Amino acid sequence: MSSPKRKYSAIERELIRALTTACETAKSEIVGFQWLTHEVDYEEFPQSLVVTWVFDSEANRERALASADKARMLELTLAAFDEVGISVSSVAEHVAFSVEQPARGKRGQGH
């Protein structure tokens, strides 16, 4: 029997792989999209899982959110979750949109 830590480690690896695919797809489709990252507390999984889509400017973020690009980002996120077997009632509750901050150290778990 595998330990919970090992189980979450496997989910994390698969999630990173699936989100990397989503990220690469979005970079070629969505103007101003730069990268995405995720945060999760596996003690409260999957409720705590949040994927943040990061843009190069507030103008591009706002434009994307006011267009079909928002639905596309939600679709790509849900596809990544589905690929890993993560079930959520509303993918929109697990997605955030941000603007890239000036470089001041490392970004975290960017994809």
PDB file of N, CA and C in Angstrom:
ATOM      1  N   MET A   1       0.840  -1.179   0.000  1.00  0.00           N
ATOM      2  CA  MET A   1       0.000   0.000   0.000  1.00  0.00           C
ATOM      3  C   MET A   1       0.889   1.248   0.000  1.00  0.00           C
ATOM      4  N   SER A   2       0.563   2.216  -0.856  1.00  0.00           N
ATOM      5  CA  SER A   2       1.412   3.408  -0.939  1.00  0.00           C
ATOM      6  C   SER A   2       1.004   4.423   0.121  1.00  0.00           C
ATOM      7  N   SER A   3       1.972   5.185   0.553  1.00  0.00           N
ATOM      8  CA  SER A   3       1.702   6.194   1.572  1.00  0.00           C
ATOM      9  C   SER A   3       1.006   7.393   0.939  1.00  0.00           C
ATOM     10  N   PRO A   4       0.283   8.189   1.745  1.00  0.00           N
ATOM     11  CA  PRO A   4      -0.358   9.395   1.201  1.00  0.00           C
ATOM     12  C   PRO A   4       0.649  10.346   0.559  1.00  0.00           C
ATOM     13  N   LYS A   5       1.836  10.458   1.150  1.00  0.00           N
ATOM     14  CA  LYS A   5       2.854  11.347   0.599  1.00  0.00           C
ATOM     15  C   LYS A   5       3.264  10.901  -0.796  1.00  0.00           C
ATOM     16  N   ARG A   6       3.452   9.597  -0.984  1.00  0.00           N
ATOM     17  CA  ARG A   6       3.817   9.058  -2.282  1.00  0.00           C
ATOM     18  C   ARG A   6       2.676   9.276  -3.287  1.00  0.00           C
ATOM     19  N   LYS A   7       1.427   9.084  -2.836  1.00  0.00           N
ATOM     20  CA  LYS A   7       0.270   9.288  -3.709  1.00  0.00           C
ATOM     21  C   LYS A   7       0.231  10.734  -4.198  1.00  0.00           C
ATOM     22  N   TYR A   8       0.405  11.681  -3.294  1.00  0.00           N
ATOM     23  CA  TYR A   8       0.355  13.092  -3.681  1.00  0.00           C
ATOM     24  C   TYR A   8       1.543  13.482  -4.542  1.00  0.00           C
ATOM     25  N   SER A   9       2.671  12.857  -4.330  1.00  0.00           N
ATOM     26  CA  SER A   9       3.845  13.117  -5.157  1.00  0.00           C
ATOM     27  C   SER A   9       3.570  12.714  -6.602  1.00  0.00           C
ATOM     28  N   ALA A  10       2.919  11.588  -6.782  1.00  0.00           N
ATOM     29  CA  ALA A  10       2.573  11.130  -8.130  1.00  0.00           C
ATOM     30  C   ALA A  10       1.548  12.067  -8.763  1.00  0.00           C
ATOM     31  N   ILE A  11       0.561  12.492  -8.011  1.00  0.00           N
ATOM     32  CA  ILE A  11      -0.446  13.431  -8.525  1.00  0.00           C
ATOM     33  C   ILE A  11       0.231  14.740  -8.908  1.00  0.00           C
ATOM     34  N   GLU A  12       1.139  15.222  -8.080  1.00  0.00           N
ATOM     35  CA  GLU A  12       1.841  16.477  -8.349  1.00  0.00           C
ATOM     36  C   GLU A  12       2.622  16.386  -9.661  1.00  0.00           C
ATOM     37  N   ARG A  13       3.336  15.299  -9.861  1.00  0.00           N
ATOM     38  CA  ARG A  13       4.093  15.124 -11.110  1.00  0.00           C
ATOM     39  C   ARG A  13       3.170  15.121 -12.321  1.00  0.00           C
ATOM     40  N   GLU A  14       2.084  14.391 -12.236  1.00  0.00           N
ATOM     41  CA  GLU A  14       1.134  14.318 -13.348  1.00  0.00           C
ATOM     42  C   GLU A  14       0.462  15.671 -13.578  1.00  0.00           C
ATOM     43  N   LEU A  15       0.139  16.370 -12.505  1.00  0.00           N
ATOM     44  CA  LEU A  15      -0.494  17.687 -12.621  1.00  0.00           C
ATOM     45  C   LEU A  15       0.465  18.673 -13.301  1.00  0.00           C
ATOM     46  N   ILE A  16       1.716  18.675 -12.907  1.00  0.00           N
ATOM     47  CA  ILE A  16       2.702  19.556 -13.535  1.00  0.00           C
ATOM     48  C   ILE A  16       2.813  19.250 -15.023  1.00  0.00           C
ATOM     49  N   ARG A  17       2.849  17.976 -15.380  1.00  0.00           N
ATOM     50  CA  ARG A  17       2.937  17.594 -16.784  1.00  0.00           C
ATOM     51  C   ARG A  17       1.707  18.091 -17.560  1.00  0.00           C
ATOM     52  N   ALA A  18       0.518  17.871 -17.021  1.00  0.00           N
ATOM     53  CA  ALA A  18      -0.718  18.269 -17.706  1.00  0.00           C
ATOM     54  C   ALA A  18      -0.828  19.795 -17.803  1.00  0.00           C
ATOM     55  N   LEU A  19      -0.442  20.505 -16.737  1.00  0.00           N
ATOM     56  CA  LEU A  19      -0.510  21.969 -16.771  1.00  0.00           C
ATOM     57  C   LEU A  19       0.549  22.553 -17.703  1.00  0.00           C
ATOM     58  N   THR A  20       1.683  21.888 -17.830  1.00  0.00           N
ATOM     59  CA  THR A  20       2.705  22.345 -18.780  1.00  0.00           C
ATOM     60  C   THR A  20       2.162  22.271 -20.201  1.00  0.00           C
ATOM     61  N   THR A  21       1.450  21.220 -20.522  1.00  0.00           N
ATOM     62  CA  THR A  21       0.820  21.096 -21.838  1.00  0.00           C
ATOM     63  C   THR A  21      -0.192  22.220 -22.042  1.00  0.00           C
ATOM     64  N   ALA A  22      -1.020  22.496 -21.032  1.00  0.00           N
ATOM     65  CA  ALA A  22      -2.001  23.577 -21.119  1.00  0.00           C
ATOM     66  C   ALA A  22      -1.305  24.914 -21.332  1.00  0.00           C
ATOM     67  N   CYS A  23      -0.222  25.132 -20.624  1.00  0.00           N
ATOM     68  CA  CYS A  23       0.542  26.373 -20.713  1.00  0.00           C
ATOM     69  C   CYS A  23       1.100  26.564 -22.121  1.00  0.00           C
ATOM     70  N   GLU A  24       1.718  25.540 -22.660  1.00  0.00           N
ATOM     71  CA  GLU A  24       2.303  25.645 -23.997  1.00  0.00           C
ATOM     72  C   GLU A  24       1.227  25.901 -25.046  1.00  0.00           C
ATOM     73  N   THR A  25       0.080  25.272 -24.904  1.00  0.00           N
ATOM     74  CA  THR A  25      -1.033  25.507 -25.824  1.00  0.00           C
ATOM     75  C   THR A  25      -1.488  26.958 -25.731  1.00  0.00           C
ATOM     76  N   ALA A  26      -1.681  27.445 -24.522  1.00  0.00           N
ATOM     77  CA  ALA A  26      -2.178  28.811 -24.321  1.00  0.00           C
ATOM     78  C   ALA A  26      -1.196  29.860 -24.820  1.00  0.00           C
ATOM     79  N   LYS A  27       0.097  29.613 -24.671  1.00  0.00           N
ATOM     80  CA  LYS A  27       1.087  30.593 -25.136  1.00  0.00           C
ATOM     81  C   LYS A  27       0.955  30.855 -26.631  1.00  0.00           C
ATOM     82  N   SER A  28       0.550  29.847 -27.389  1.00  0.00           N
ATOM     83  CA  SER A  28       0.412  30.025 -28.833  1.00  0.00           C
ATOM     84  C   SER A  28      -0.955  30.575 -29.230  1.00  0.00           C
ATOM     85  N   GLU A  29      -1.895  30.632 -28.296  1.00  0.00           N
ATOM     86  CA  GLU A  29      -3.262  31.039 -28.622  1.00  0.00           C
ATOM     87  C   GLU A  29      -3.700  32.351 -27.987  1.00  0.00           C
ATOM     88  N   ILE A  30      -3.164  32.720 -26.841  1.00  0.00           N
ATOM     89  CA  ILE A  30      -3.705  33.830 -26.052  1.00  0.00           C
ATOM     90  C   ILE A  30      -2.685  34.960 -25.951  1.00  0.00           C
ATOM     91  N   VAL A  31      -3.034  36.109 -26.494  1.00  0.00           N
ATOM     92  CA  VAL A  31      -2.147  37.277 -26.526  1.00  0.00           C
ATOM     93  C   VAL A  31      -1.830  37.731 -25.098  1.00  0.00           C
ATOM     94  N   GLY A  32      -0.538  37.869 -24.822  1.00  0.00           N
ATOM     95  CA  GLY A  32      -0.092  38.381 -23.534  1.00  0.00           C
ATOM     96  C   GLY A  32       0.055  37.339 -22.444  1.00  0.00           C
ATOM     97  N   PHE A  33      -0.440  36.117 -22.673  1.00  0.00           N
ATOM     98  CA  PHE A  33      -0.286  35.068 -21.669  1.00  0.00           C
ATOM     99  C   PHE A  33       1.187  34.676 -21.604  1.00  0.00           C
ATOM    100  N   GLN A  34       1.728  34.581 -20.374  1.00  0.00           N
ATOM    101  CA  GLN A  34       3.149  34.282 -20.181  1.00  0.00           C
ATOM    102  C   GLN A  34       3.415  32.902 -19.600  1.00  0.00           C
ATOM    103  N   TRP A  35       2.748  32.569 -18.513  1.00  0.00           N
ATOM    104  CA  TRP A  35       3.008  31.314 -17.818  1.00  0.00           C
ATOM    105  C   TRP A  35       1.887  31.056 -16.837  1.00  0.00           C
ATOM    106  N   LEU A  36       1.884  29.865 -16.261  1.00  0.00           N
ATOM    107  CA  LEU A  36       0.917  29.583 -15.205  1.00  0.00           C
ATOM    108  C   LEU A  36       1.614  28.857 -14.078  1.00  0.00           C
ATOM    109  N   THR A  37       0.972  28.872 -12.950  1.00  0.00           N
ATOM    110  CA  THR A  37       1.498  28.213 -11.770  1.00  0.00           C
ATOM    111  C   THR A  37       0.325  27.624 -10.999  1.00  0.00           C
ATOM    112  N   HIS A  38       0.610  26.803 -10.034  1.00  0.00           N
ATOM    113  CA  HIS A  38      -0.474  26.269  -9.197  1.00  0.00           C
ATOM    114  C   HIS A  38      -0.017  26.187  -7.755  1.00  0.00           C
ATOM    115  N   GLU A  39      -1.005  26.247  -6.894  1.00  0.00           N
ATOM    116  CA  GLU A  39      -0.777  26.077  -5.463  1.00  0.00           C
ATOM    117  C   GLU A  39      -1.778  25.059  -4.964  1.00  0.00           C
ATOM    118  N   VAL A  40      -1.356  24.249  -4.013  1.00  0.00           N
ATOM    119  CA  VAL A  40      -2.255  23.259  -3.445  1.00  0.00           C
ATOM    120  C   VAL A  40      -1.767  22.869  -2.056  1.00  0.00           C
ATOM    121  N   ASP A  41      -2.716  22.649  -1.175  1.00  0.00           N
ATOM    122  CA  ASP A  41      -2.447  22.085   0.139  1.00  0.00           C
ATOM    123  C   ASP A  41      -3.053  20.690   0.096  1.00  0.00           C
ATOM    124  N   TYR A  42      -2.214  19.669   0.021  1.00  0.00           N
ATOM    125  CA  TYR A  42      -2.723  18.309  -0.150  1.00  0.00           C
ATOM    126  C   TYR A  42      -3.510  17.815   1.063  1.00  0.00           C
ATOM    127  N   GLU A  43      -3.462  18.523   2.169  1.00  0.00           N
ATOM    128  CA  GLU A  43      -4.320  18.188   3.313  1.00  0.00           C
ATOM    129  C   GLU A  43      -5.773  18.539   2.994  1.00  0.00           C
ATOM    130  N   GLU A  44      -5.967  19.461   2.055  1.00  0.00           N
ATOM    131  CA  GLU A  44      -7.314  19.890   1.658  1.00  0.00           C
ATOM    132  C   GLU A  44      -7.466  19.785   0.140  1.00  0.00           C
ATOM    133  N   PHE A  45      -7.087  18.644  -0.385  1.00  0.00           N
ATOM    134  CA  PHE A  45      -7.101  18.397  -1.822  1.00  0.00           C
ATOM    135  C   PHE A  45      -8.413  17.743  -2.222  1.00  0.00           C
ATOM    136  N   PRO A  46      -9.050  18.133  -3.307  1.00  0.00           N
ATOM    137  CA  PRO A  46      -8.645  19.120  -4.301  1.00  0.00           C
ATOM    138  C   PRO A  46      -9.191  20.529  -4.056  1.00  0.00           C
ATOM    139  N   GLN A  47      -9.931  20.729  -2.963  1.00  0.00           N
ATOM    140  CA  GLN A  47     -10.548  22.034  -2.710  1.00  0.00           C
ATOM    141  C   GLN A  47      -9.547  23.181  -2.703  1.00  0.00           C
ATOM    142  N   SER A  48      -8.325  22.936  -2.264  1.00  0.00           N
ATOM    143  CA  SER A  48      -7.325  23.998  -2.149  1.00  0.00           C
ATOM    144  C   SER A  48      -6.558  24.270  -3.440  1.00  0.00           C
ATOM    145  N   LEU A  49      -6.756  23.460  -4.464  1.00  0.00           N
ATOM    146  CA  LEU A  49      -5.996  23.590  -5.710  1.00  0.00           C
ATOM    147  C   LEU A  49      -6.421  24.844  -6.478  1.00  0.00           C
ATOM    148  N   VAL A  50      -5.441  25.707  -6.775  1.00  0.00           N
ATOM    149  CA  VAL A  50      -5.692  26.918  -7.562  1.00  0.00           C
ATOM    150  C   VAL A  50      -4.606  27.033  -8.639  1.00  0.00           C
ATOM    151  N   VAL A  51      -5.047  27.213  -9.881  1.00  0.00           N
ATOM    152  CA  VAL A  51      -4.148  27.444 -11.010  1.00  0.00           C
ATOM    153  C   VAL A  51      -4.224  28.931 -11.344  1.00  0.00           C
ATOM    154  N   THR A  52      -3.073  29.587 -11.384  1.00  0.00           N
ATOM    155  CA  THR A  52      -3.017  31.016 -11.702  1.00  0.00           C
ATOM    156  C   THR A  52      -2.401  31.210 -13.079  1.00  0.00           C
ATOM    157  N   TRP A  53      -3.154  31.874 -13.956  1.00  0.00           N
ATOM    158  CA  TRP A  53      -2.716  32.212 -15.307  1.00  0.00           C
ATOM    159  C   TRP A  53      -2.145  33.617 -15.256  1.00  0.00           C
ATOM    160  N   VAL A  54      -0.904  33.783 -15.707  1.00  0.00           N
ATOM    161  CA  VAL A  54      -0.178  35.045 -15.553  1.00  0.00           C
ATOM    162  C   VAL A  54       0.035  35.707 -16.919  1.00  0.00           C
ATOM    163  N   PHE A  55      -0.284  37.009 -16.963  1.00  0.00           N
ATOM    164  CA  PHE A  55      -0.170  37.802 -18.191  1.00  0.00           C
ATOM    165  C   PHE A  55       0.949  38.829 -18.078  1.00  0.00           C
ATOM    166  N   ASP A  56       1.363  39.348 -19.244  1.00  0.00           N
ATOM    167  CA  ASP A  56       2.448  40.323 -19.283  1.00  0.00           C
ATOM    168  C   ASP A  56       1.994  41.732 -18.922  1.00  0.00           C
ATOM    169  N   SER A  57       0.696  42.004 -18.987  1.00  0.00           N
ATOM    170  CA  SER A  57       0.200  43.340 -18.644  1.00  0.00           C
ATOM    171  C   SER A  57      -1.250  43.250 -18.188  1.00  0.00           C
ATOM    172  N   GLU A  58      -1.665  44.241 -17.435  1.00  0.00           N
ATOM    173  CA  GLU A  58      -3.058  44.312 -16.985  1.00  0.00           C
ATOM    174  C   GLU A  58      -3.994  44.437 -18.190  1.00  0.00           C
ATOM    175  N   ALA A  59      -3.581  45.180 -19.209  1.00  0.00           N
ATOM    176  CA  ALA A  59      -4.416  45.353 -20.403  1.00  0.00           C
ATOM    177  C   ALA A  59      -4.664  44.010 -21.091  1.00  0.00           C
ATOM    178  N   ASN A  60      -3.639  43.194 -21.229  1.00  0.00           N
ATOM    179  CA  ASN A  60      -3.819  41.882 -21.859  1.00  0.00           C
ATOM    180  C   ASN A  60      -4.631  40.940 -20.978  1.00  0.00           C
ATOM    181  N   ARG A  61      -4.454  41.029 -19.670  1.00  0.00           N
ATOM    182  CA  ARG A  61      -5.255  40.209 -18.750  1.00  0.00           C
ATOM    183  C   ARG A  61      -6.724  40.575 -18.893  1.00  0.00           C
ATOM    184  N   GLU A  62      -7.017  41.883 -18.852  1.00  0.00           N
ATOM    185  CA  GLU A  62      -8.407  42.341 -18.967  1.00  0.00           C
ATOM    186  C   GLU A  62      -9.020  41.963 -20.308  1.00  0.00           C
ATOM    187  N   ARG A  63      -8.238  42.096 -21.390  1.00  0.00           N
ATOM    188  CA  ARG A  63      -8.737  41.740 -22.714  1.00  0.00           C
ATOM    189  C   ARG A  63      -9.071  40.250 -22.773  1.00  0.00           C
ATOM    190  N   ALA A  64      -8.196  39.428 -22.224  1.00  0.00           N
ATOM    191  CA  ALA A  64      -8.427  37.981 -22.246  1.00  0.00           C
ATOM    192  C   ALA A  64      -9.670  37.613 -21.435  1.00  0.00           C
ATOM    193  N   LEU A  65      -9.841  38.257 -20.293  1.00  0.00           N
ATOM    194  CA  LEU A  65     -10.984  37.928 -19.436  1.00  0.00           C
ATOM    195  C   LEU A  65     -12.306  38.398 -20.031  1.00  0.00           C
ATOM    196  N   ALA A  66     -12.246  39.375 -20.926  1.00  0.00           N
ATOM    197  CA  ALA A  66     -13.458  39.904 -21.560  1.00  0.00           C
ATOM    198  C   ALA A  66     -13.745  39.215 -22.899  1.00  0.00           C
ATOM    199  N   SER A  67     -12.979  38.185 -23.225  1.00  0.00           N
ATOM    200  CA  SER A  67     -13.123  37.521 -24.526  1.00  0.00           C
ATOM    201  C   SER A  67     -13.295  36.018 -24.333  1.00  0.00           C
ATOM    202  N   ALA A  68     -13.345  35.323 -25.444  1.00  0.00           N
ATOM    203  CA  ALA A  68     -13.450  33.862 -25.420  1.00  0.00           C
ATOM    204  C   ALA A  68     -12.194  33.212 -24.824  1.00  0.00           C
ATOM    205  N   ASP A  69     -11.114  33.984 -24.679  1.00  0.00           N
ATOM    206  CA  ASP A  69      -9.886  33.440 -24.088  1.00  0.00           C
ATOM    207  C   ASP A  69     -10.116  32.945 -22.659  1.00  0.00           C
ATOM    208  N   LYS A  70     -11.013  33.607 -21.929  1.00  0.00           N
ATOM    209  CA  LYS A  70     -11.276  33.175 -20.546  1.00  0.00           C
ATOM    210  C   LYS A  70     -11.842  31.762 -20.548  1.00  0.00           C
ATOM    211  N   ALA A  71     -12.821  31.519 -21.408  1.00  0.00           N
ATOM    212  CA  ALA A  71     -13.399  30.176 -21.500  1.00  0.00           C
ATOM    213  C   ALA A  71     -12.341  29.168 -21.931  1.00  0.00           C
ATOM    214  N   ARG A  72     -11.439  29.574 -22.811  1.00  0.00           N
ATOM    215  CA  ARG A  72     -10.379  28.681 -23.280  1.00  0.00           C
ATOM    216  C   ARG A  72      -9.445  28.303 -22.136  1.00  0.00           C
ATOM    217  N   MET A  73      -9.089  29.278 -21.290  1.00  0.00           N
ATOM    218  CA  MET A  73      -8.215  28.982 -20.150  1.00  0.00           C
ATOM    219  C   MET A  73      -8.907  28.039 -19.169  1.00  0.00           C
ATOM    220  N   LEU A  74     -10.192  28.252 -18.938  1.00  0.00           N
ATOM    221  CA  LEU A  74     -10.939  27.347 -18.057  1.00  0.00           C
ATOM    222  C   LEU A  74     -11.001  25.946 -18.674  1.00  0.00           C
ATOM    223  N   GLU A  75     -11.203  25.886 -19.974  1.00  0.00           N
ATOM    224  CA  GLU A  75     -11.254  24.603 -20.688  1.00  0.00           C
ATOM    225  C   GLU A  75      -9.915  23.871 -20.585  1.00  0.00           C
ATOM    226  N   LEU A  76      -8.819  24.587 -20.782  1.00  0.00           N
ATOM    227  CA  LEU A  76      -7.487  23.970 -20.683  1.00  0.00           C
ATOM    228  C   LEU A  76      -7.199  23.490 -19.265  1.00  0.00           C
ATOM    229  N   THR A  77      -7.632  24.278 -18.274  1.00  0.00           N
ATOM    230  CA  THR A  77      -7.443  23.881 -16.871  1.00  0.00           C
ATOM    231  C   THR A  77      -8.238  22.621 -16.571  1.00  0.00           C
ATOM    232  N   LEU A  78      -9.496  22.605 -16.981  1.00  0.00           N
ATOM    233  CA  LEU A  78     -10.340  21.436 -16.739  1.00  0.00           C
ATOM    234  C   LEU A  78      -9.788  20.200 -17.444  1.00  0.00           C
ATOM    235  N   ALA A  79      -9.281  20.367 -18.658  1.00  0.00           N
ATOM    236  CA  ALA A  79      -8.691  19.241 -19.386  1.00  0.00           C
ATOM    237  C   ALA A  79      -7.488  18.680 -18.625  1.00  0.00           C
ATOM    238  N   ALA A  80      -6.668  19.573 -18.056  1.00  0.00           N
ATOM    239  CA  ALA A  80      -5.517  19.122 -17.257  1.00  0.00           C
ATOM    240  C   ALA A  80      -5.991  18.366 -16.024  1.00  0.00           C
ATOM    241  N   PHE A  81      -6.995  18.912 -15.342  1.00  0.00           N
ATOM    242  CA  PHE A  81      -7.545  18.230 -14.156  1.00  0.00           C
ATOM    243  C   PHE A  81      -8.080  16.855 -14.544  1.00  0.00           C
ATOM    244  N   ASP A  82      -8.856  16.811 -15.624  1.00  0.00           N
ATOM    245  CA  ASP A  82      -9.446  15.544 -16.068  1.00  0.00           C
ATOM    246  C   ASP A  82      -8.363  14.512 -16.395  1.00  0.00           C
ATOM    247  N   GLU A  83      -7.301  14.976 -17.034  1.00  0.00           N
ATOM    248  CA  GLU A  83      -6.205  14.076 -17.417  1.00  0.00           C
ATOM    249  C   GLU A  83      -5.575  13.418 -16.200  1.00  0.00           C
ATOM    250  N   VAL A  84      -5.550  14.142 -15.090  1.00  0.00           N
ATOM    251  CA  VAL A  84      -4.928  13.638 -13.865  1.00  0.00           C
ATOM    252  C   VAL A  84      -5.951  12.918 -12.970  1.00  0.00           C
ATOM    253  N   GLY A  85      -7.244  13.079 -13.302  1.00  0.00           N
ATOM    254  CA  GLY A  85      -8.282  12.447 -12.492  1.00  0.00           C
ATOM    255  C   GLY A  85      -8.750  13.300 -11.332  1.00  0.00           C
ATOM    256  N   ILE A  86      -8.576  14.613 -11.448  1.00  0.00           N
ATOM    257  CA  ILE A  86      -9.010  15.538 -10.403  1.00  0.00           C
ATOM    258  C   ILE A  86     -10.413  16.015 -10.746  1.00  0.00           C
ATOM    259  N   SER A  87     -11.339  15.799  -9.838  1.00  0.00           N
ATOM    260  CA  SER A  87     -12.729  16.174 -10.062  1.00  0.00           C
ATOM    261  C   SER A  87     -13.094  17.361  -9.176  1.00  0.00           C
ATOM    262  N   VAL A  88     -13.582  18.424  -9.809  1.00  0.00           N
ATOM    263  CA  VAL A  88     -14.035  19.612  -9.073  1.00  0.00           C
ATOM    264  C   VAL A  88     -15.424  19.976  -9.588  1.00  0.00           C
ATOM    265  N   SER A  89     -16.233  20.603  -8.730  1.00  0.00           N
ATOM    266  CA  SER A  89     -17.598  20.937  -9.143  1.00  0.00           C
ATOM    267  C   SER A  89     -17.626  22.134 -10.087  1.00  0.00           C
ATOM    268  N   SER A  90     -16.725  23.092  -9.897  1.00  0.00           N
ATOM    269  CA  SER A  90     -16.674  24.273 -10.752  1.00  0.00           C
ATOM    270  C   SER A  90     -15.219  24.667 -10.961  1.00  0.00           C
ATOM    271  N   VAL A  91     -14.712  24.441 -12.167  1.00  0.00           N
ATOM    272  CA  VAL A  91     -13.303  24.733 -12.435  1.00  0.00           C
ATOM    273  C   VAL A  91     -13.002  26.211 -12.204  1.00  0.00           C
ATOM    274  N   ALA A  92     -13.954  27.094 -12.444  1.00  0.00           N
ATOM    275  CA  ALA A  92     -13.724  28.533 -12.269  1.00  0.00           C
ATOM    276  C   ALA A  92     -13.330  28.880 -10.833  1.00  0.00           C
ATOM    277  N   GLU A  93     -13.773  28.094  -9.873  1.00  0.00           N
ATOM    278  CA  GLU A  93     -13.409  28.337  -8.470  1.00  0.00           C
ATOM    279  C   GLU A  93     -11.957  27.967  -8.179  1.00  0.00           C
ATOM    280  N   HIS A  94     -11.301  27.317  -9.127  1.00  0.00           N
ATOM    281  CA  HIS A  94      -9.927  26.856  -8.944  1.00  0.00           C
ATOM    282  C   HIS A  94      -8.954  27.566  -9.877  1.00  0.00           C
ATOM    283  N   VAL A  95      -9.389  28.691 -10.442  1.00  0.00           N
ATOM    284  CA  VAL A  95      -8.568  29.424 -11.397  1.00  0.00           C
ATOM    285  C   VAL A  95      -8.494  30.890 -10.989  1.00  0.00           C
ATOM    286  N   ALA A  96      -7.288  31.458 -11.110  1.00  0.00           N
ATOM    287  CA  ALA A  96      -7.067  32.886 -10.856  1.00  0.00           C
ATOM    288  C   ALA A  96      -6.295  33.454 -12.042  1.00  0.00           C
ATOM    289  N   PHE A  97      -6.365  34.764 -12.209  1.00  0.00           N
ATOM    290  CA  PHE A  97      -5.689  35.441 -13.316  1.00  0.00           C
ATOM    291  C   PHE A  97      -4.878  36.587 -12.734  1.00  0.00           C
ATOM    292  N   SER A  98      -3.615  36.689 -13.127  1.00  0.00           N
ATOM    293  CA  SER A  98      -2.718  37.658 -12.535  1.00  0.00           C
ATOM    294  C   SER A  98      -1.866  38.324 -13.612  1.00  0.00           C
ATOM    295  N   VAL A  99      -1.075  39.302 -13.169  1.00  0.00           N
ATOM    296  CA  VAL A  99      -0.147  40.007 -14.052  1.00  0.00           C
ATOM    297  C   VAL A  99       1.257  39.767 -13.520  1.00  0.00           C
ATOM    298  N   GLU A 100       2.179  39.500 -14.433  1.00  0.00           N
ATOM    299  CA  GLU A 100       3.569  39.243 -14.073  1.00  0.00           C
ATOM    300  C   GLU A 100       4.154  40.443 -13.338  1.00  0.00           C
ATOM    301  N   GLN A 101       4.800  40.179 -12.236  1.00  0.00           N
ATOM    302  CA  GLN A 101       5.452  41.218 -11.452  1.00  0.00           C
ATOM    303  C   GLN A 101       6.903  41.339 -11.907  1.00  0.00           C
ATOM    304  N   PRO A 102       7.507  42.497 -11.742  1.00  0.00           N
ATOM    305  CA  PRO A 102       8.928  42.636 -12.093  1.00  0.00           C
ATOM    306  C   PRO A 102       9.765  41.580 -11.372  1.00  0.00           C
ATOM    307  N   ALA A 103      10.784  41.093 -12.036  1.00  0.00           N
ATOM    308  CA  ALA A 103      11.618  40.026 -11.479  1.00  0.00           C
ATOM    309  C   ALA A 103      12.268  40.461 -10.172  1.00  0.00           C
ATOM    310  N   ARG A 104      12.001  39.678  -9.118  1.00  0.00           N
ATOM    311  CA  ARG A 104      12.629  39.897  -7.809  1.00  0.00           C
ATOM    312  C   ARG A 104      12.833  38.533  -7.161  1.00  0.00           C
ATOM    313  N   GLY A 105      13.574  37.703  -7.810  1.00  0.00           N
ATOM    314  CA  GLY A 105      13.776  36.365  -7.269  1.00  0.00           C
ATOM    315  C   GLY A 105      12.976  35.359  -8.064  1.00  0.00           C
ATOM    316  N   LYS A 106      12.842  34.177  -7.505  1.00  0.00           N
ATOM    317  CA  LYS A 106      12.186  33.110  -8.256  1.00  0.00           C
ATOM    318  C   LYS A 106      10.667  33.212  -8.187  1.00  0.00           C
ATOM    319  N   ARG A 107      10.015  32.615  -9.164  1.00  0.00           N
ATOM    320  CA  ARG A 107       8.579  32.694  -9.315  1.00  0.00           C
ATOM    321  C   ARG A 107       7.816  31.597  -8.605  1.00  0.00           C
ATOM    322  N   GLY A 108       8.417  30.543  -8.215  1.00  0.00           N
ATOM    323  CA  GLY A 108       7.672  29.428  -7.652  1.00  0.00           C
ATOM    324  C   GLY A 108       7.548  28.310  -8.678  1.00  0.00           C
ATOM    325  N   GLN A 109       6.394  27.674  -8.710  1.00  0.00           N
ATOM    326  CA  GLN A 109       6.211  26.511  -9.560  1.00  0.00           C
ATOM    327  C   GLN A 109       5.642  26.898 -10.917  1.00  0.00           C
ATOM    328  N   GLY A 110       6.346  27.690 -11.652  1.00  0.00           N
ATOM    329  CA  GLY A 110       5.878  28.067 -12.988  1.00  0.00           C
ATOM    330  C   GLY A 110       5.949  26.893 -13.944  1.00  0.00           C
ATOM    331  N   HIS A 111       5.079  26.914 -14.937  1.00  0.00           N
ATOM    332  CA  HIS A 111       5.036  25.830 -15.931  1.00  0.00           C
ATOM    333  C   HIS A 111       5.314  26.386 -17.296  1.00  0.00           C
TER     334      HIS A 111
END
